[in-house]
Each structure stands twice: as C-alpha cells, then as structure tokens.
Amino acid sequence: MSLGRPERGDDVHEDAVERLRDAQDDQSRLRREAYMARGTVRQDATNDELSDAGDRLAAREAWLTWVERGF
C-alpha cells in the first residue's frame, strides 16, 4: 500500500539527493571563502553567506529525510 510518499530511486528522491549534494558543495565553498576573508572587509558578509548555506543544507537534509522516511 502506497501512502503517496516518493520511493528511493524515483525522480523525487534523486532530486532530493542531488539538491543535498549541491548544498553540501555550496557550504564547503563558502566555508573556504569565509576562512580566506577573515580579517578583511568581506568577513561579515562571508560569514552571513556561510550561515545561510547552513540553513539551506539543514532544509535539504530535512527534505531528504522526509522523502526517505515519510516524516
């Protein structure tokens, strides 16, 4: 019996996995940028961008969890 939840390997699941990987890559890139910007005028901006990337990553992880587990 299907509860309308996407199955692993279908398009919705694959999209969720891809979006999570993209968010992880983005966070890694921004972490490097924030490190390089320490002590410069860009420090605050890169830290804000890194924080936002962490929020996006958490949202992607939550979505993938819902897709895989249904909650």
Protein backbone atom coordinates (compact mmCIF):
# COMPACT_ATOMS: atom_id res chain seq x y z
CA MET A 1 0.00 0.00 0.00
CA SER A 2 1.43 3.35 -1.02
CA LEU A 3 0.90 6.38 1.19
CA GLY A 4 1.86 8.74 -1.61
CA ARG A 5 5.42 9.00 -0.37
CA PRO A 6 8.16 9.01 -3.05
CA GLU A 7 10.21 5.83 -3.28
CA ARG A 8 14.00 5.66 -3.21
CA GLY A 9 15.40 5.91 -6.68
CA ASP A 10 12.45 7.73 -8.20
CA ASP A 11 12.77 11.24 -9.61
CA VAL A 12 11.75 12.99 -6.39
CA HIS A 13 14.29 11.04 -4.34
CA GLU A 14 17.07 11.54 -6.86
CA ASP A 15 16.32 15.27 -6.97
CA ALA A 16 16.44 15.47 -3.16
CA VAL A 17 19.81 13.68 -3.10
CA GLU A 18 21.21 15.95 -5.81
CA ARG A 19 20.00 19.09 -4.04
CA LEU A 20 21.58 17.89 -0.79
CA ARG A 21 24.92 17.32 -2.53
CA ASP A 22 24.72 20.75 -4.13
CA ALA A 23 24.03 22.32 -0.73
CA GLN A 24 26.99 20.46 0.78
CA ASP A 25 29.25 21.66 -2.03
CA ASP A 26 27.99 25.22 -1.64
CA GLN A 27 28.60 25.16 2.10
CA SER A 28 32.15 23.82 1.59
CA ARG A 29 32.89 26.54 -0.96
CA LEU A 30 31.51 29.24 1.32
CA ARG A 31 33.41 27.86 4.30
CA ARG A 32 36.65 28.29 2.32
CA GLU A 33 35.63 31.80 1.27
CA ALA A 34 34.81 32.76 4.86
CA TYR A 35 38.17 31.42 6.01
CA MET A 36 40.00 33.42 3.35
CA ALA A 37 38.02 36.57 4.22
CA ARG A 38 38.94 36.57 7.89
CA GLY A 39 40.26 39.96 8.91
CA THR A 40 39.02 41.68 5.74
CA VAL A 41 36.05 43.89 4.96
CA ARG A 42 34.32 40.80 3.49
CA GLN A 43 34.46 38.84 6.75
CA ASP A 44 30.94 39.68 7.94
CA ALA A 45 29.37 39.15 4.52
CA THR A 46 31.02 35.76 4.00
CA ASN A 47 30.06 34.64 7.49
CA ASP A 48 26.45 35.60 6.76
CA GLU A 49 26.57 33.69 3.46
CA LEU A 50 28.01 30.67 5.27
CA SER A 51 25.25 30.82 7.87
CA ASP A 52 22.62 30.96 5.12
CA ALA A 53 24.26 27.97 3.43
CA GLY A 54 23.99 26.04 6.69
CA ASP A 55 20.28 26.81 6.82
CA ARG A 56 19.81 25.63 3.23
CA LEU A 57 21.77 22.46 3.97
CA ALA A 58 19.59 21.73 7.00
CA ALA A 59 16.46 22.22 4.89
CA ARG A 60 17.78 19.85 2.21
CA GLU A 61 18.64 17.23 4.83
CA ALA A 62 15.16 17.52 6.33
CA TRP A 63 13.52 17.16 2.91
CA LEU A 64 15.57 14.07 2.07
CA THR A 65 14.69 12.56 5.45
CA TRP A 66 11.01 13.15 4.77
CA VAL A 67 11.30 11.64 1.28
CA GLU A 68 13.07 8.56 2.61
CA ARG A 69 11.15 8.05 5.86
CA GLY A 70 7.91 9.89 5.39
CA PHE A 71 8.23 12.18 8.39
